[in-house]
All heavy atoms as atom14 arrays in JSON, in Angstrom:
{
  "sequence": "GGAAGGGSDMVARAATTPLRRAGTPEEVAALVAF",
  "atom14_mask": [
    [1, 1, 1, 1, 0, 0, 0, 0, 0, 0, 0, 0, 0, 0],
    [1, 1, 1, 1, 0, 0, 0, 0, 0, 0, 0, 0, 0, 0],
    [1, 1, 1, 1, 1, 0, 0, 0, 0, 0, 0, 0, 0, 0],
    [1, 1, 1, 1, 1, 0, 0, 0, 0, 0, 0, 0, 0, 0],
    [1, 1, 1, 1, 0, 0, 0, 0, 0, 0, 0, 0, 0, 0],
    [1, 1, 1, 1, 0, 0, 0, 0, 0, 0, 0, 0, 0, 0],
    [1, 1, 1, 1, 0, 0, 0, 0, 0, 0, 0, 0, 0, 0],
    [1, 1, 1, 1, 1, 1, 0, 0, 0, 0, 0, 0, 0, 0],
    [1, 1, 1, 1, 1, 1, 1, 1, 0, 0, 0, 0, 0, 0],
    [1, 1, 1, 1, 1, 1, 1, 1, 0, 0, 0, 0, 0, 0],
    [1, 1, 1, 1, 1, 1, 1, 0, 0, 0, 0, 0, 0, 0],
    [1, 1, 1, 1, 1, 0, 0, 0, 0, 0, 0, 0, 0, 0],
    [1, 1, 1, 1, 1, 1, 1, 1, 1, 1, 1, 0, 0, 0],
    [1, 1, 1, 1, 1, 0, 0, 0, 0, 0, 0, 0, 0, 0],
    [1, 1, 1, 1, 1, 0, 0, 0, 0, 0, 0, 0, 0, 0],
    [1, 1, 1, 1, 1, 1, 1, 0, 0, 0, 0, 0, 0, 0],
    [1, 1, 1, 1, 1, 1, 1, 0, 0, 0, 0, 0, 0, 0],
    [1, 1, 1, 1, 1, 1, 1, 0, 0, 0, 0, 0, 0, 0],
    [1, 1, 1, 1, 1, 1, 1, 1, 0, 0, 0, 0, 0, 0],
    [1, 1, 1, 1, 1, 1, 1, 1, 1, 1, 1, 0, 0, 0],
    [1, 1, 1, 1, 1, 1, 1, 1, 1, 1, 1, 0, 0, 0],
    [1, 1, 1, 1, 1, 0, 0, 0, 0, 0, 0, 0, 0, 0],
    [1, 1, 1, 1, 0, 0, 0, 0, 0, 0, 0, 0, 0, 0],
    [1, 1, 1, 1, 1, 1, 1, 0, 0, 0, 0, 0, 0, 0],
    [1, 1, 1, 1, 1, 1, 1, 0, 0, 0, 0, 0, 0, 0],
    [1, 1, 1, 1, 1, 1, 1, 1, 1, 0, 0, 0, 0, 0],
    [1, 1, 1, 1, 1, 1, 1, 1, 1, 0, 0, 0, 0, 0],
    [1, 1, 1, 1, 1, 1, 1, 0, 0, 0, 0, 0, 0, 0],
    [1, 1, 1, 1, 1, 0, 0, 0, 0, 0, 0, 0, 0, 0],
    [1, 1, 1, 1, 1, 0, 0, 0, 0, 0, 0, 0, 0, 0],
    [1, 1, 1, 1, 1, 1, 1, 1, 0, 0, 0, 0, 0, 0],
    [1, 1, 1, 1, 1, 1, 1, 0, 0, 0, 0, 0, 0, 0],
    [1, 1, 1, 1, 1, 0, 0, 0, 0, 0, 0, 0, 0, 0],
    [1, 1, 1, 1, 1, 1, 1, 1, 1, 1, 1, 0, 0, 0]
  ],
  "atom14_positions": [
    [[2.0, -34.87, 157.05], [1.62, -36.15, 157.65], [2.29, -36.37, 158.99], [2.36, -35.47, 159.83], [0.0, 0.0, 0.0], [0.0, 0.0, 0.0], [0.0, 0.0, 0.0], [0.0, 0.0, 0.0], [0.0, 0.0, 0.0], [0.0, 0.0, 0.0], [0.0, 0.0, 0.0], [0.0, 0.0, 0.0], [0.0, 0.0, 0.0], [0.0, 0.0, 0.0]],
    [[2.82, -37.57, 159.18], [3.43, -37.91, 160.46], [4.9, -37.61, 160.54], [5.56, -37.99, 161.52], [0.0, 0.0, 0.0], [0.0, 0.0, 0.0], [0.0, 0.0, 0.0], [0.0, 0.0, 0.0], [0.0, 0.0, 0.0], [0.0, 0.0, 0.0], [0.0, 0.0, 0.0], [0.0, 0.0, 0.0], [0.0, 0.0, 0.0], [0.0, 0.0, 0.0]],
    [[5.46, -36.93, 159.55], [6.89, -36.64, 159.56], [7.25, -35.7, 160.71], [6.48, -34.8, 161.06], [7.3, -35.98, 158.23], [0.0, 0.0, 0.0], [0.0, 0.0, 0.0], [0.0, 0.0, 0.0], [0.0, 0.0, 0.0], [0.0, 0.0, 0.0], [0.0, 0.0, 0.0], [0.0, 0.0, 0.0], [0.0, 0.0, 0.0], [0.0, 0.0, 0.0]],
    [[8.4, -35.93, 161.3], [8.86, -35.06, 162.38], [9.0, -33.63, 161.87], [9.55, -33.39, 160.81], [10.2, -35.55, 162.91], [0.0, 0.0, 0.0], [0.0, 0.0, 0.0], [0.0, 0.0, 0.0], [0.0, 0.0, 0.0], [0.0, 0.0, 0.0], [0.0, 0.0, 0.0], [0.0, 0.0, 0.0], [0.0, 0.0, 0.0], [0.0, 0.0, 0.0]],
    [[8.47, -32.68, 162.63], [8.52, -31.29, 162.2], [7.35, -30.89, 161.33], [7.27, -29.75, 160.88], [0.0, 0.0, 0.0], [0.0, 0.0, 0.0], [0.0, 0.0, 0.0], [0.0, 0.0, 0.0], [0.0, 0.0, 0.0], [0.0, 0.0, 0.0], [0.0, 0.0, 0.0], [0.0, 0.0, 0.0], [0.0, 0.0, 0.0], [0.0, 0.0, 0.0]],
    [[6.42, -31.8, 161.09], [5.23, -31.49, 160.31], [4.08, -31.12, 161.24], [4.26, -30.43, 162.24], [0.0, 0.0, 0.0], [0.0, 0.0, 0.0], [0.0, 0.0, 0.0], [0.0, 0.0, 0.0], [0.0, 0.0, 0.0], [0.0, 0.0, 0.0], [0.0, 0.0, 0.0], [0.0, 0.0, 0.0], [0.0, 0.0, 0.0], [0.0, 0.0, 0.0]],
    [[2.9, -31.61, 160.92], [1.74, -31.25, 161.73], [1.5, -32.13, 162.93], [0.95, -31.68, 163.94], [0.0, 0.0, 0.0], [0.0, 0.0, 0.0], [0.0, 0.0, 0.0], [0.0, 0.0, 0.0], [0.0, 0.0, 0.0], [0.0, 0.0, 0.0], [0.0, 0.0, 0.0], [0.0, 0.0, 0.0], [0.0, 0.0, 0.0], [0.0, 0.0, 0.0]],
    [[1.95, -33.38, 162.86], [1.56, -34.34, 163.88], [2.22, -34.1, 165.24], [1.68, -34.48, 166.27], [1.89, -35.77, 163.42], [3.29, -35.91, 163.2], [0.0, 0.0, 0.0], [0.0, 0.0, 0.0], [0.0, 0.0, 0.0], [0.0, 0.0, 0.0], [0.0, 0.0, 0.0], [0.0, 0.0, 0.0], [0.0, 0.0, 0.0], [0.0, 0.0, 0.0]],
    [[3.39, -33.46, 165.25], [4.1, -33.27, 166.52], [4.15, -31.8, 166.95], [4.95, -31.42, 167.79], [5.52, -33.84, 166.44], [6.39, -33.14, 165.39], [5.85, -32.33, 164.61], [7.59, -33.43, 165.35], [0.0, 0.0, 0.0], [0.0, 0.0, 0.0], [0.0, 0.0, 0.0], [0.0, 0.0, 0.0], [0.0, 0.0, 0.0], [0.0, 0.0, 0.0]],
    [[3.26, -30.98, 166.38], [3.29, -29.55, 166.69], [3.01, -29.27, 168.17], [3.68, -28.45, 168.79], [2.29, -28.78, 165.81], [2.64, -28.75, 164.34], [1.49, -27.75, 163.37], [2.11, -26.11, 163.68], [0.0, 0.0, 0.0], [0.0, 0.0, 0.0], [0.0, 0.0, 0.0], [0.0, 0.0, 0.0], [0.0, 0.0, 0.0], [0.0, 0.0, 0.0]],
    [[2.02, -29.94, 168.71], [1.66, -29.7, 170.11], [2.8, -30.11, 171.03], [3.12, -29.4, 172.0], [0.37, -30.46, 170.47], [0.08, -30.35, 171.96], [-0.81, -29.9, 169.66], [0.0, 0.0, 0.0], [0.0, 0.0, 0.0], [0.0, 0.0, 0.0], [0.0, 0.0, 0.0], [0.0, 0.0, 0.0], [0.0, 0.0, 0.0], [0.0, 0.0, 0.0]],
    [[3.45, -31.24, 170.72], [4.57, -31.7, 171.54], [5.73, -30.72, 171.47], [6.37, -30.4, 172.49], [5.01, -33.09, 171.11], [0.0, 0.0, 0.0], [0.0, 0.0, 0.0], [0.0, 0.0, 0.0], [0.0, 0.0, 0.0], [0.0, 0.0, 0.0], [0.0, 0.0, 0.0], [0.0, 0.0, 0.0], [0.0, 0.0, 0.0], [0.0, 0.0, 0.0]],
    [[6.02, -30.21, 170.27], [7.12, -29.25, 170.13], [6.8, -27.93, 170.82], [7.66, -27.31, 171.44], [7.43, -29.02, 168.66], [8.16, -30.19, 168.0], [8.57, -29.91, 166.57], [7.45, -29.96, 165.65], [7.02, -28.95, 164.9], [7.63, -27.79, 164.95], [6.01, -29.1, 164.08], [0.0, 0.0, 0.0], [0.0, 0.0, 0.0], [0.0, 0.0, 0.0]],
    [[5.54, -27.51, 170.74], [5.14, -26.26, 171.37], [5.26, -26.33, 172.89], [5.45, -25.3, 173.55], [3.7, -25.92, 170.99], [0.0, 0.0, 0.0], [0.0, 0.0, 0.0], [0.0, 0.0, 0.0], [0.0, 0.0, 0.0], [0.0, 0.0, 0.0], [0.0, 0.0, 0.0], [0.0, 0.0, 0.0], [0.0, 0.0, 0.0], [0.0, 0.0, 0.0]],
    [[5.18, -27.53, 173.44], [5.27, -27.69, 174.89], [6.66, -27.35, 175.42], [6.85, -27.24, 176.64], [4.89, -29.12, 175.29], [0.0, 0.0, 0.0], [0.0, 0.0, 0.0], [0.0, 0.0, 0.0], [0.0, 0.0, 0.0], [0.0, 0.0, 0.0], [0.0, 0.0, 0.0], [0.0, 0.0, 0.0], [0.0, 0.0, 0.0], [0.0, 0.0, 0.0]],
    [[7.63, -27.18, 174.54], [8.99, -26.82, 174.97], [9.19, -25.3, 175.04], [10.24, -24.85, 175.47], [10.05, -27.42, 174.02], [9.93, -26.8, 172.72], [9.87, -28.92, 173.87], [0.0, 0.0, 0.0], [0.0, 0.0, 0.0], [0.0, 0.0, 0.0], [0.0, 0.0, 0.0], [0.0, 0.0, 0.0], [0.0, 0.0, 0.0], [0.0, 0.0, 0.0]],
    [[8.2, -24.51, 174.61], [8.32, -23.05, 174.71], [8.09, -22.62, 176.16], [7.52, -23.37, 176.96], [7.28, -22.35, 173.81], [5.96, -22.63, 174.32], [7.38, -22.81, 172.36], [0.0, 0.0, 0.0], [0.0, 0.0, 0.0], [0.0, 0.0, 0.0], [0.0, 0.0, 0.0], [0.0, 0.0, 0.0], [0.0, 0.0, 0.0], [0.0, 0.0, 0.0]],
    [[8.49, -21.41, 176.51], [8.26, -20.94, 177.88], [6.79, -21.0, 178.31], [6.5, -21.28, 179.48], [8.78, -19.5, 177.85], [9.89, -19.55, 176.85], [9.38, -20.48, 175.78], [0.0, 0.0, 0.0], [0.0, 0.0, 0.0], [0.0, 0.0, 0.0], [0.0, 0.0, 0.0], [0.0, 0.0, 0.0], [0.0, 0.0, 0.0], [0.0, 0.0, 0.0]],
    [[5.86, -20.75, 177.42], [4.45, -20.82, 177.78], [3.91, -22.24, 177.74], [2.75, -22.48, 178.13], [3.61, -19.92, 176.87], [3.8, -18.42, 177.07], [2.81, -17.62, 176.22], [3.65, -18.03, 178.54], [0.0, 0.0, 0.0], [0.0, 0.0, 0.0], [0.0, 0.0, 0.0], [0.0, 0.0, 0.0], [0.0, 0.0, 0.0], [0.0, 0.0, 0.0]],
    [[4.71, -23.18, 177.25], [4.38, -24.61, 177.3], [3.09, -24.98, 176.57], [2.4, -25.93, 176.94], [4.28, -25.08, 178.76], [5.57, -24.9, 179.58], [6.68, -25.8, 179.06], [7.81, -25.86, 179.98], [8.95, -25.17, 179.85], [9.08, -24.34, 178.82], [9.92, -25.31, 180.72], [0.0, 0.0, 0.0], [0.0, 0.0, 0.0], [0.0, 0.0, 0.0]],
    [[2.8, -24.26, 175.51], [1.62, -24.61, 174.71], [1.72, -24.0, 173.33], [2.54, -23.09, 173.1], [0.33, -24.1, 175.38], [0.19, -22.57, 175.4], [-1.18, -22.16, 175.89], [-1.34, -20.71, 175.98], [-1.72, -19.92, 174.97], [-1.96, -20.45, 173.76], [-1.86, -18.62, 175.13], [0.0, 0.0, 0.0], [0.0, 0.0, 0.0], [0.0, 0.0, 0.0]],
    [[0.91, -24.49, 172.43], [0.81, -23.9, 171.09], [-0.07, -22.66, 171.13], [-0.88, -22.47, 172.06], [0.23, -24.92, 170.12], [0.0, 0.0, 0.0], [0.0, 0.0, 0.0], [0.0, 0.0, 0.0], [0.0, 0.0, 0.0], [0.0, 0.0, 0.0], [0.0, 0.0, 0.0], [0.0, 0.0, 0.0], [0.0, 0.0, 0.0], [0.0, 0.0, 0.0]],
    [[0.08, -21.82, 170.13], [-0.79, -20.66, 170.01], [-2.05, -20.99, 169.25], [-2.22, -22.11, 168.74], [0.0, 0.0, 0.0], [0.0, 0.0, 0.0], [0.0, 0.0, 0.0], [0.0, 0.0, 0.0], [0.0, 0.0, 0.0], [0.0, 0.0, 0.0], [0.0, 0.0, 0.0], [0.0, 0.0, 0.0], [0.0, 0.0, 0.0], [0.0, 0.0, 0.0]],
    [[-2.94, -20.04, 169.14], [-4.18, -20.23, 168.39], [-4.27, -19.19, 167.27], [-3.69, -18.1, 167.39], [-5.42, -20.07, 169.3], [-5.53, -18.69, 169.71], [-5.32, -20.97, 170.52], [0.0, 0.0, 0.0], [0.0, 0.0, 0.0], [0.0, 0.0, 0.0], [0.0, 0.0, 0.0], [0.0, 0.0, 0.0], [0.0, 0.0, 0.0], [0.0, 0.0, 0.0]],
    [[-4.99, -19.5, 166.21], [-5.18, -18.51, 165.14], [-5.82, -17.23, 165.66], [-5.49, -16.13, 165.19], [-6.1, -19.24, 164.16], [-5.79, -20.69, 164.36], [-5.56, -20.82, 165.84], [0.0, 0.0, 0.0], [0.0, 0.0, 0.0], [0.0, 0.0, 0.0], [0.0, 0.0, 0.0], [0.0, 0.0, 0.0], [0.0, 0.0, 0.0], [0.0, 0.0, 0.0]],
    [[-6.7, -17.36, 166.63], [-7.38, -16.18, 167.16], [-6.41, -15.24, 167.88], [-6.59, -14.01, 167.84], [-8.5, -16.61, 168.11], [-9.7, -17.26, 167.43], [-9.41, -18.67, 166.91], [-8.48, -19.33, 167.44], [-10.11, -19.11, 165.97], [0.0, 0.0, 0.0], [0.0, 0.0, 0.0], [0.0, 0.0, 0.0], [0.0, 0.0, 0.0], [0.0, 0.0, 0.0]],
    [[-5.41, -15.81, 168.53], [-4.4, -14.97, 169.2], [-3.58, -14.18, 168.18], [-3.26, -13.01, 168.39], [-3.51, -15.82, 170.09], [-4.23, -16.33, 171.34], [-3.45, -17.37, 172.11], [-2.77, -18.21, 171.47], [-3.53, -17.36, 173.34], [0.0, 0.0, 0.0], [0.0, 0.0, 0.0], [0.0, 0.0, 0.0], [0.0, 0.0, 0.0], [0.0, 0.0, 0.0]],
    [[-3.25, -14.83, 167.08], [-2.52, -14.12, 166.01], [-3.42, -13.05, 165.39], [-2.98, -11.93, 165.13], [-2.03, -15.1, 164.94], [-1.28, -14.35, 163.83], [-1.13, -16.17, 165.55], [0.0, 0.0, 0.0], [0.0, 0.0, 0.0], [0.0, 0.0, 0.0], [0.0, 0.0, 0.0], [0.0, 0.0, 0.0], [0.0, 0.0, 0.0], [0.0, 0.0, 0.0]],
    [[-4.68, -13.39, 165.17], [-5.62, -12.45, 164.57], [-5.78, -11.2, 165.42], [-5.91, -10.08, 164.89], [-6.98, -13.11, 164.37], [0.0, 0.0, 0.0], [0.0, 0.0, 0.0], [0.0, 0.0, 0.0], [0.0, 0.0, 0.0], [0.0, 0.0, 0.0], [0.0, 0.0, 0.0], [0.0, 0.0, 0.0], [0.0, 0.0, 0.0], [0.0, 0.0, 0.0]],
    [[-5.76, -11.35, 166.73], [-5.88, -10.2, 167.63], [-4.7, -9.25, 167.45], [-4.85, -8.02, 167.46], [-5.98, -10.67, 169.08], [0.0, 0.0, 0.0], [0.0, 0.0, 0.0], [0.0, 0.0, 0.0], [0.0, 0.0, 0.0], [0.0, 0.0, 0.0], [0.0, 0.0, 0.0], [0.0, 0.0, 0.0], [0.0, 0.0, 0.0], [0.0, 0.0, 0.0]],
    [[-3.5, -9.82, 167.27], [-2.32, -9.01, 167.05], [-2.39, -8.3, 165.7], [-2.06, -7.11, 165.59], [-1.06, -9.87, 167.13], [0.27, -9.19, 166.82], [0.51, -8.0, 167.74], [1.41, -10.19, 166.92], [0.0, 0.0, 0.0], [0.0, 0.0, 0.0], [0.0, 0.0, 0.0], [0.0, 0.0, 0.0], [0.0, 0.0, 0.0], [0.0, 0.0, 0.0]],
    [[-2.83, -9.01, 164.68], [-2.98, -8.41, 163.35], [-3.95, -7.23, 163.4], [-3.68, -6.15, 162.86], [-3.46, -9.45, 162.32], [-3.79, -8.77, 160.99], [-2.41, -10.54, 162.12], [0.0, 0.0, 0.0], [0.0, 0.0, 0.0], [0.0, 0.0, 0.0], [0.0, 0.0, 0.0], [0.0, 0.0, 0.0], [0.0, 0.0, 0.0], [0.0, 0.0, 0.0]],
    [[-5.08, -7.42, 164.07], [-6.08, -6.35, 164.17], [-5.5, -5.13, 164.86], [-5.76, -3.98, 164.45], [-7.31, -6.86, 164.92], [0.0, 0.0, 0.0], [0.0, 0.0, 0.0], [0.0, 0.0, 0.0], [0.0, 0.0, 0.0], [0.0, 0.0, 0.0], [0.0, 0.0, 0.0], [0.0, 0.0, 0.0], [0.0, 0.0, 0.0], [0.0, 0.0, 0.0]],
    [[-4.72, -5.34, 165.9], [-4.08, -4.21, 166.6], [-3.13, -3.47, 165.66], [-3.16, -2.24, 165.57], [-3.32, -4.72, 167.82], [-2.35, -3.7, 168.38], [-2.8, -2.58, 169.05], [-0.98, -3.87, 168.21], [-1.91, -1.63, 169.55], [-0.08, -2.94, 168.71], [-0.54, -1.81, 169.37], [0.0, 0.0, 0.0], [0.0, 0.0, 0.0], [0.0, 0.0, 0.0]]
  ]
}
């Protein structure tokens, strides 16, 4: 739900990474396929 560290603030937390964004399932899938 809305708890900190759950799903609601994922995009905000991801913005603190060097790439400044969240990843996508498709990006992970591409790595798995490789």
